[in-house]
Amino acid sequence: MDFTGQERITAPRDVVWAALNDPDILKQCIPGCQALEFVGPNELVATIKVKLGIVSLTFTGEIRVSNIDAPLSYTLSAEGRGSIAGFAKGSADVTLEADGQETILHYLAAAEVGGKIAQLGSRLIDSSSQKIASRFFADFNAAVSAKSAK
């Protein structure tokens, strides 16, 4: 499943770029994120608790940053395992477009699940994945805009 979106952030592109690489900001914006830390220059480990319909699952996994073209764009790729629940993979191509003192963040995201979690049904998983991505980018927008306004 693929989905796209954009957020207009009231902060200059260099501020938005720095925030996209700040684990503290990312942790506060990723829905259900319980832990997030860099373990290498372009690799993070995370523990994320997500709710898919009535089912809550905890995934542990890695997030990799690639295709870096600072401060214009990069790709985030994540892969997590939820014990007996199965796995989740996702990626997001993020592009930053300067617009005066604001930045338009464009994203193209994709998600895939397998194992027992896939039995929940593709509509539920598609809907939940889109909500998680939309919430992350909206929360990221709010956090960066508020920080920039200070």
N, C-alpha and C. Protein backbone atom coordinates (compact mmCIF):
# COMPACT_ATOMS: atom_id res chain seq x y z
N MET A 1 0.82 -1.17 0.00
CA MET A 1 0.00 0.00 0.00
C MET A 1 0.88 1.24 0.00
N ASP A 2 0.58 2.16 -0.87
CA ASP A 2 1.31 3.41 -0.98
C ASP A 2 0.37 4.57 -0.69
N PHE A 3 0.89 5.61 -0.10
CA PHE A 3 0.11 6.81 0.13
C PHE A 3 1.03 8.01 0.16
N THR A 4 0.47 9.16 -0.20
CA THR A 4 1.26 10.38 -0.27
C THR A 4 0.59 11.47 0.57
N GLY A 5 1.36 12.50 0.84
CA GLY A 5 0.81 13.63 1.57
C GLY A 5 1.84 14.73 1.63
N GLN A 6 1.40 15.83 2.22
CA GLN A 6 2.33 16.95 2.41
C GLN A 6 1.90 17.74 3.63
N GLU A 7 2.87 18.44 4.20
CA GLU A 7 2.64 19.30 5.35
C GLU A 7 3.36 20.62 5.10
N ARG A 8 2.67 21.73 5.32
CA ARG A 8 3.30 23.06 5.26
C ARG A 8 3.76 23.37 6.69
N ILE A 9 5.06 23.52 6.86
CA ILE A 9 5.65 23.73 8.18
C ILE A 9 6.15 25.16 8.27
N THR A 10 5.78 25.84 9.33
CA THR A 10 6.18 27.24 9.49
C THR A 10 7.57 27.32 10.11
N ALA A 11 8.54 26.84 9.33
CA ALA A 11 9.95 26.88 9.73
C ALA A 11 10.78 26.77 8.45
N PRO A 12 11.97 27.39 8.44
CA PRO A 12 12.84 27.28 7.28
C PRO A 12 13.30 25.83 7.05
N ARG A 13 13.69 25.53 5.82
CA ARG A 13 14.06 24.17 5.45
C ARG A 13 15.19 23.62 6.31
N ASP A 14 16.21 24.42 6.65
CA ASP A 14 17.33 23.89 7.44
C ASP A 14 16.87 23.48 8.85
N VAL A 15 15.89 24.17 9.41
CA VAL A 15 15.35 23.81 10.71
C VAL A 15 14.57 22.50 10.61
N VAL A 16 13.79 22.36 9.55
CA VAL A 16 13.01 21.13 9.34
C VAL A 16 13.97 19.95 9.12
N TRP A 17 15.01 20.17 8.33
CA TRP A 17 16.00 19.11 8.07
C TRP A 17 16.64 18.64 9.38
N ALA A 18 17.04 19.60 10.21
CA ALA A 18 17.66 19.25 11.49
C ALA A 18 16.68 18.43 12.35
N ALA A 19 15.41 18.81 12.34
CA ALA A 19 14.41 18.08 13.13
C ALA A 19 14.20 16.66 12.61
N LEU A 20 14.27 16.49 11.29
CA LEU A 20 14.12 15.15 10.70
C LEU A 20 15.27 14.22 11.11
N ASN A 21 16.33 14.79 11.63
CA ASN A 21 17.49 14.00 12.04
C ASN A 21 17.71 14.05 13.55
N ASP A 22 16.71 14.50 14.28
CA ASP A 22 16.78 14.61 15.74
C ASP A 22 15.95 13.50 16.36
N PRO A 23 16.60 12.51 17.01
CA PRO A 23 15.84 11.37 17.54
C PRO A 23 14.82 11.77 18.62
N ASP A 24 15.08 12.84 19.36
CA ASP A 24 14.13 13.26 20.38
C ASP A 24 12.83 13.76 19.74
N ILE A 25 12.96 14.55 18.68
CA ILE A 25 11.76 15.04 17.99
C ILE A 25 11.04 13.89 17.31
N LEU A 26 11.80 13.01 16.63
CA LEU A 26 11.17 11.87 15.97
C LEU A 26 10.43 10.99 16.97
N LYS A 27 11.05 10.74 18.12
CA LYS A 27 10.43 9.89 19.13
C LYS A 27 9.11 10.47 19.60
N GLN A 28 9.07 11.79 19.81
CA GLN A 28 7.82 12.39 20.30
C GLN A 28 6.74 12.41 19.22
N CYS A 29 7.13 12.29 17.94
CA CYS A 29 6.15 12.37 16.85
C CYS A 29 5.70 11.02 16.31
N ILE A 30 6.50 9.99 16.49
CA ILE A 30 6.13 8.66 16.00
C ILE A 30 5.06 8.09 16.94
N PRO A 31 3.86 7.85 16.43
CA PRO A 31 2.80 7.32 17.29
C PRO A 31 3.22 6.02 17.96
N GLY A 32 3.09 5.96 19.29
CA GLY A 32 3.39 4.75 20.04
C GLY A 32 4.86 4.49 20.26
N CYS A 33 5.74 5.43 19.91
CA CYS A 33 7.18 5.20 20.05
C CYS A 33 7.55 5.19 21.54
N GLN A 34 8.15 4.09 21.95
CA GLN A 34 8.57 3.95 23.34
C GLN A 34 10.06 4.17 23.51
N ALA A 35 10.84 3.90 22.46
CA ALA A 35 12.29 4.11 22.50
C ALA A 35 12.79 4.33 21.08
N LEU A 36 13.77 5.22 20.95
CA LEU A 36 14.38 5.50 19.65
C LEU A 36 15.76 6.07 19.88
N GLU A 37 16.76 5.45 19.28
CA GLU A 37 18.12 5.96 19.43
C GLU A 37 18.98 5.59 18.23
N PHE A 38 19.93 6.48 17.94
CA PHE A 38 20.89 6.21 16.87
C PHE A 38 21.88 5.16 17.35
N VAL A 39 22.15 4.16 16.51
CA VAL A 39 23.17 3.15 16.80
C VAL A 39 24.29 3.21 15.77
N GLY A 40 24.15 4.09 14.80
CA GLY A 40 25.14 4.31 13.76
C GLY A 40 24.80 5.63 13.10
N PRO A 41 25.63 6.08 12.16
CA PRO A 41 25.38 7.38 11.55
C PRO A 41 24.03 7.49 10.85
N ASN A 42 23.55 6.41 10.27
CA ASN A 42 22.29 6.44 9.53
C ASN A 42 21.35 5.32 9.94
N GLU A 43 21.48 4.87 11.19
CA GLU A 43 20.66 3.75 11.64
C GLU A 43 20.19 3.97 13.06
N LEU A 44 18.91 3.71 13.27
CA LEU A 44 18.30 3.85 14.58
C LEU A 44 17.65 2.53 14.96
N VAL A 45 17.48 2.30 16.25
CA VAL A 45 16.68 1.19 16.74
C VAL A 45 15.48 1.79 17.45
N ALA A 46 14.35 1.09 17.35
CA ALA A 46 13.11 1.63 17.91
C ALA A 46 12.26 0.52 18.51
N THR A 47 11.46 0.92 19.48
CA THR A 47 10.39 0.08 20.02
C THR A 47 9.12 0.91 19.88
N ILE A 48 8.15 0.36 19.17
CA ILE A 48 6.93 1.10 18.86
C ILE A 48 5.72 0.22 19.15
N LYS A 49 4.77 0.78 19.86
CA LYS A 49 3.52 0.08 20.16
C LYS A 49 2.44 0.69 19.27
N VAL A 50 1.81 -0.14 18.45
CA VAL A 50 0.77 0.35 17.54
C VAL A 50 -0.54 -0.37 17.81
N LYS A 51 -1.60 0.32 17.47
CA LYS A 51 -2.94 -0.26 17.61
C LYS A 51 -3.52 -0.40 16.22
N LEU A 52 -3.87 -1.61 15.86
CA LEU A 52 -4.53 -1.90 14.59
C LEU A 52 -5.92 -2.42 14.92
N GLY A 53 -6.90 -1.55 14.76
CA GLY A 53 -8.25 -1.93 15.16
C GLY A 53 -8.28 -2.10 16.66
N ILE A 54 -8.67 -3.28 17.13
CA ILE A 54 -8.73 -3.53 18.57
C ILE A 54 -7.48 -4.23 19.09
N VAL A 55 -6.51 -4.48 18.21
CA VAL A 55 -5.31 -5.21 18.58
C VAL A 55 -4.15 -4.24 18.80
N SER A 56 -3.48 -4.34 19.96
CA SER A 56 -2.28 -3.56 20.23
C SER A 56 -1.07 -4.48 20.10
N LEU A 57 -0.07 -4.01 19.36
CA LEU A 57 1.13 -4.79 19.12
C LEU A 57 2.36 -3.95 19.39
N THR A 58 3.42 -4.59 19.87
CA THR A 58 4.68 -3.90 20.09
C THR A 58 5.70 -4.46 19.12
N PHE A 59 6.32 -3.57 18.36
CA PHE A 59 7.34 -3.95 17.39
C PHE A 59 8.68 -3.39 17.83
N THR A 60 9.71 -4.19 17.64
CA THR A 60 11.08 -3.70 17.81
C THR A 60 11.77 -3.85 16.47
N GLY A 61 12.58 -2.89 16.13
CA GLY A 61 13.23 -2.98 14.83
C GLY A 61 14.19 -1.86 14.56
N GLU A 62 14.55 -1.77 13.30
CA GLU A 62 15.55 -0.81 12.85
C GLU A 62 14.95 0.16 11.86
N ILE A 63 15.47 1.38 11.90
CA ILE A 63 15.12 2.41 10.93
C ILE A 63 16.43 2.86 10.29
N ARG A 64 16.45 2.86 8.95
CA ARG A 64 17.64 3.28 8.22
C ARG A 64 17.33 4.52 7.39
N VAL A 65 18.31 5.41 7.35
CA VAL A 65 18.21 6.62 6.54
C VAL A 65 19.12 6.41 5.33
N SER A 66 18.57 6.63 4.12
CA SER A 66 19.36 6.45 2.90
C SER A 66 18.98 7.51 1.88
N ASN A 67 19.61 7.46 0.74
CA ASN A 67 19.36 8.42 -0.34
C ASN A 67 19.40 9.86 0.17
N ILE A 68 20.37 10.15 1.01
CA ILE A 68 20.45 11.45 1.67
C ILE A 68 20.95 12.50 0.69
N ASP A 69 20.16 13.56 0.54
CA ASP A 69 20.53 14.74 -0.25
C ASP A 69 20.23 15.96 0.61
N ALA A 70 21.08 16.17 1.62
CA ALA A 70 20.86 17.23 2.61
C ALA A 70 20.91 18.60 1.96
N PRO A 71 20.04 19.50 2.32
CA PRO A 71 18.86 19.40 3.17
C PRO A 71 17.58 19.24 2.36
N LEU A 72 17.65 18.52 1.27
CA LEU A 72 16.50 18.40 0.35
C LEU A 72 15.63 17.16 0.56
N SER A 73 16.27 16.00 0.75
CA SER A 73 15.47 14.78 0.78
C SER A 73 16.23 13.62 1.39
N TYR A 74 15.47 12.62 1.80
CA TYR A 74 16.04 11.33 2.19
C TYR A 74 14.94 10.28 2.22
N THR A 75 15.36 9.04 2.40
CA THR A 75 14.43 7.93 2.52
C THR A 75 14.59 7.31 3.90
N LEU A 76 13.48 7.09 4.58
CA LEU A 76 13.47 6.36 5.84
C LEU A 76 12.90 4.98 5.55
N SER A 77 13.61 3.95 5.96
CA SER A 77 13.13 2.57 5.80
C SER A 77 13.11 1.91 7.17
N ALA A 78 12.03 1.24 7.48
CA ALA A 78 11.90 0.60 8.78
C ALA A 78 11.44 -0.84 8.62
N GLU A 79 11.94 -1.66 9.53
CA GLU A 79 11.50 -3.05 9.56
C GLU A 79 11.43 -3.47 11.02
N GLY A 80 10.29 -3.99 11.42
CA GLY A 80 10.11 -4.40 12.80
C GLY A 80 9.44 -5.75 12.91
N ARG A 81 9.69 -6.39 14.03
CA ARG A 81 9.08 -7.69 14.32
C ARG A 81 8.27 -7.55 15.60
N GLY A 82 7.11 -8.17 15.59
CA GLY A 82 6.21 -8.12 16.74
C GLY A 82 6.00 -9.48 17.35
N SER A 83 7.05 -10.12 17.74
CA SER A 83 7.04 -11.48 18.31
C SER A 83 6.19 -12.41 17.46
N ILE A 84 5.11 -12.96 18.01
CA ILE A 84 4.31 -13.91 17.24
C ILE A 84 3.37 -13.22 16.25
N ALA A 85 3.26 -11.90 16.34
CA ALA A 85 2.31 -11.17 15.49
C ALA A 85 2.76 -11.11 14.04
N GLY A 86 4.05 -11.17 13.80
CA GLY A 86 4.54 -11.07 12.44
C GLY A 86 5.50 -9.91 12.28
N PHE A 87 5.48 -9.30 11.12
CA PHE A 87 6.43 -8.22 10.86
C PHE A 87 5.73 -7.06 10.16
N ALA A 88 6.38 -5.92 10.24
CA ALA A 88 5.92 -4.74 9.52
C ALA A 88 7.13 -4.09 8.87
N LYS A 89 6.97 -3.68 7.63
CA LYS A 89 8.02 -2.96 6.90
C LYS A 89 7.39 -1.68 6.37
N GLY A 90 8.19 -0.66 6.31
CA GLY A 90 7.68 0.58 5.75
C GLY A 90 8.82 1.45 5.28
N SER A 91 8.48 2.38 4.42
CA SER A 91 9.46 3.36 3.98
C SER A 91 8.74 4.64 3.64
N ALA A 92 9.49 5.72 3.67
CA ALA A 92 8.94 7.02 3.30
C ALA A 92 10.03 7.82 2.61
N ASP A 93 9.73 8.28 1.40
CA ASP A 93 10.60 9.22 0.71
C ASP A 93 10.12 10.60 1.12
N VAL A 94 11.01 11.37 1.72
CA VAL A 94 10.68 12.68 2.24
C VAL A 94 11.44 13.74 1.45
N THR A 95 10.72 14.74 0.97
CA THR A 95 11.33 15.83 0.21
C THR A 95 10.91 17.15 0.84
N LEU A 96 11.87 18.05 1.00
CA LEU A 96 11.60 19.36 1.59
C LEU A 96 11.70 20.44 0.51
N GLU A 97 10.65 21.21 0.38
CA GLU A 97 10.60 22.30 -0.60
C GLU A 97 10.53 23.63 0.15
N ALA A 98 11.55 24.46 -0.03
CA ALA A 98 11.55 25.77 0.62
C ALA A 98 10.50 26.66 -0.03
N ASP A 99 9.76 27.39 0.82
CA ASP A 99 8.76 28.34 0.34
C ASP A 99 8.84 29.56 1.25
N GLY A 100 9.77 30.46 0.94
CA GLY A 100 10.02 31.61 1.80
C GLY A 100 10.57 31.13 3.13
N GLN A 101 9.94 31.56 4.23
CA GLN A 101 10.36 31.13 5.56
C GLN A 101 9.63 29.87 6.03
N GLU A 102 8.90 29.26 5.11
CA GLU A 102 8.20 28.02 5.42
C GLU A 102 8.77 26.89 4.58
N THR A 103 8.39 25.68 4.91
CA THR A 103 8.85 24.50 4.19
C THR A 103 7.65 23.61 3.90
N ILE A 104 7.59 23.10 2.69
CA ILE A 104 6.56 22.12 2.36
C ILE A 104 7.24 20.76 2.36
N LEU A 105 6.79 19.90 3.27
CA LEU A 105 7.33 18.55 3.39
C LEU A 105 6.40 17.63 2.58
N HIS A 106 6.96 16.99 1.57
CA HIS A 106 6.22 16.02 0.75
C HIS A 106 6.67 14.62 1.16
N TYR A 107 5.74 13.68 1.18
CA TYR A 107 6.14 12.31 1.48
C TYR A 107 5.37 11.32 0.61
N LEU A 108 6.07 10.26 0.29
CA LEU A 108 5.50 9.10 -0.39
C LEU A 108 5.85 7.92 0.50
N ALA A 109 4.85 7.31 1.09
CA ALA A 109 5.09 6.23 2.05
C ALA A 109 4.50 4.92 1.55
N ALA A 110 5.10 3.85 2.01
CA ALA A 110 4.62 2.51 1.68
C ALA A 110 4.75 1.64 2.93
N ALA A 111 3.83 0.70 3.09
CA ALA A 111 3.86 -0.19 4.24
C ALA A 111 3.49 -1.59 3.79
N GLU A 112 4.02 -2.56 4.52
CA GLU A 112 3.76 -3.96 4.23
C GLU A 112 3.79 -4.72 5.55
N VAL A 113 2.87 -5.66 5.73
CA VAL A 113 2.87 -6.49 6.93
C VAL A 113 2.78 -7.95 6.52
N GLY A 114 3.24 -8.81 7.40
CA GLY A 114 3.18 -10.24 7.14
C GLY A 114 3.04 -11.01 8.44
N GLY A 115 2.75 -12.27 8.34
CA GLY A 115 2.55 -13.09 9.52
C GLY A 115 1.11 -12.99 9.98
N LYS A 116 0.88 -13.27 11.25
CA LYS A 116 -0.49 -13.27 11.79
C LYS A 116 -1.16 -11.91 11.69
N ILE A 117 -0.37 -10.85 11.76
CA ILE A 117 -0.95 -9.51 11.69
C ILE A 117 -1.66 -9.29 10.35
N ALA A 118 -1.18 -9.92 9.30
CA ALA A 118 -1.77 -9.76 7.97
C ALA A 118 -3.19 -10.32 7.92
N GLN A 119 -3.53 -11.18 8.86
CA GLN A 119 -4.86 -11.78 8.89
C GLN A 119 -5.94 -10.81 9.36
N LEU A 120 -5.53 -9.63 9.82
CA LEU A 120 -6.50 -8.64 10.28
C LEU A 120 -7.30 -8.05 9.12
N GLY A 121 -6.78 -8.19 7.92
CA GLY A 121 -7.49 -7.67 6.76
C GLY A 121 -6.81 -6.45 6.19
N SER A 122 -6.73 -6.41 4.87
CA SER A 122 -5.98 -5.35 4.20
C SER A 122 -6.60 -3.97 4.40
N ARG A 123 -7.92 -3.87 4.46
CA ARG A 123 -8.54 -2.55 4.65
C ARG A 123 -8.17 -1.95 6.00
N LEU A 124 -8.22 -2.77 7.04
CA LEU A 124 -7.87 -2.30 8.37
C LEU A 124 -6.40 -1.90 8.43
N ILE A 125 -5.55 -2.71 7.85
CA ILE A 125 -4.12 -2.41 7.87
C ILE A 125 -3.82 -1.17 7.04
N ASP A 126 -4.41 -1.06 5.84
CA ASP A 126 -4.21 0.13 5.01
C ASP A 126 -4.65 1.39 5.75
N SER A 127 -5.84 1.35 6.31
CA SER A 127 -6.38 2.50 7.03
C SER A 127 -5.51 2.88 8.22
N SER A 128 -5.10 1.88 9.00
CA SER A 128 -4.27 2.14 10.17
C SER A 128 -2.91 2.69 9.77
N SER A 129 -2.32 2.15 8.72
CA SER A 129 -1.01 2.62 8.25
C SER A 129 -1.08 4.08 7.80
N GLN A 130 -2.11 4.41 7.08
CA GLN A 130 -2.28 5.80 6.62
C GLN A 130 -2.49 6.73 7.81
N LYS A 131 -3.26 6.31 8.79
CA LYS A 131 -3.49 7.14 9.98
C LYS A 131 -2.19 7.36 10.75
N ILE A 132 -1.39 6.31 10.88
CA ILE A 132 -0.12 6.43 11.60
C ILE A 132 0.81 7.40 10.87
N ALA A 133 0.93 7.26 9.55
CA ALA A 133 1.80 8.17 8.77
C ALA A 133 1.29 9.60 8.84
N SER A 134 0.00 9.78 8.65
CA SER A 134 -0.58 11.14 8.69
C SER A 134 -0.38 11.77 10.06
N ARG A 135 -0.59 10.98 11.09
CA ARG A 135 -0.40 11.51 12.46
C ARG A 135 1.05 11.88 12.71
N PHE A 136 2.00 11.02 12.26
CA PHE A 136 3.41 11.35 12.45
C PHE A 136 3.74 12.69 11.80
N PHE A 137 3.37 12.86 10.52
CA PHE A 137 3.75 14.08 9.82
C PHE A 137 3.02 15.30 10.40
N ALA A 138 1.78 15.15 10.84
CA ALA A 138 1.07 16.26 11.48
C ALA A 138 1.71 16.62 12.82
N ASP A 139 2.06 15.61 13.61
CA ASP A 139 2.72 15.87 14.90
C ASP A 139 4.10 16.47 14.69
N PHE A 140 4.80 15.99 13.66
CA PHE A 140 6.12 16.54 13.33
C PHE A 140 5.98 18.02 12.96
N ASN A 141 4.98 18.33 12.15
CA ASN A 141 4.71 19.70 11.75
C ASN A 141 4.49 20.56 13.00
N ALA A 142 3.63 20.11 13.89
CA ALA A 142 3.32 20.88 15.10
C ALA A 142 4.56 21.08 15.97
N ALA A 143 5.36 20.03 16.13
CA ALA A 143 6.56 20.13 16.98
C ALA A 143 7.59 21.10 16.40
N VAL A 144 7.83 21.00 15.10
CA VAL A 144 8.83 21.85 14.46
C VAL A 144 8.34 23.30 14.37
N SER A 145 7.08 23.48 14.03
CA SER A 145 6.52 24.83 13.95
C SER A 145 6.57 25.52 15.31
N ALA A 146 6.23 24.78 16.38
CA ALA A 146 6.26 25.36 17.72
C ALA A 146 7.69 25.70 18.13
N LYS A 147 8.63 24.82 17.82
CA LYS A 147 10.03 25.06 18.18
C LYS A 147 10.57 26.26 17.41
N SER A 148 10.19 26.40 16.15
CA SER A 148 10.67 27.49 15.31
C SER A 148 10.09 28.83 15.76
N ALA A 149 8.88 28.81 16.34
CA ALA A 149 8.21 30.04 16.75
C ALA A 149 8.85 30.64 18.02
N LYS A 150 9.60 29.84 18.75
CA LYS A 150 10.21 30.31 20.01
C LYS A 150 11.32 31.29 19.77
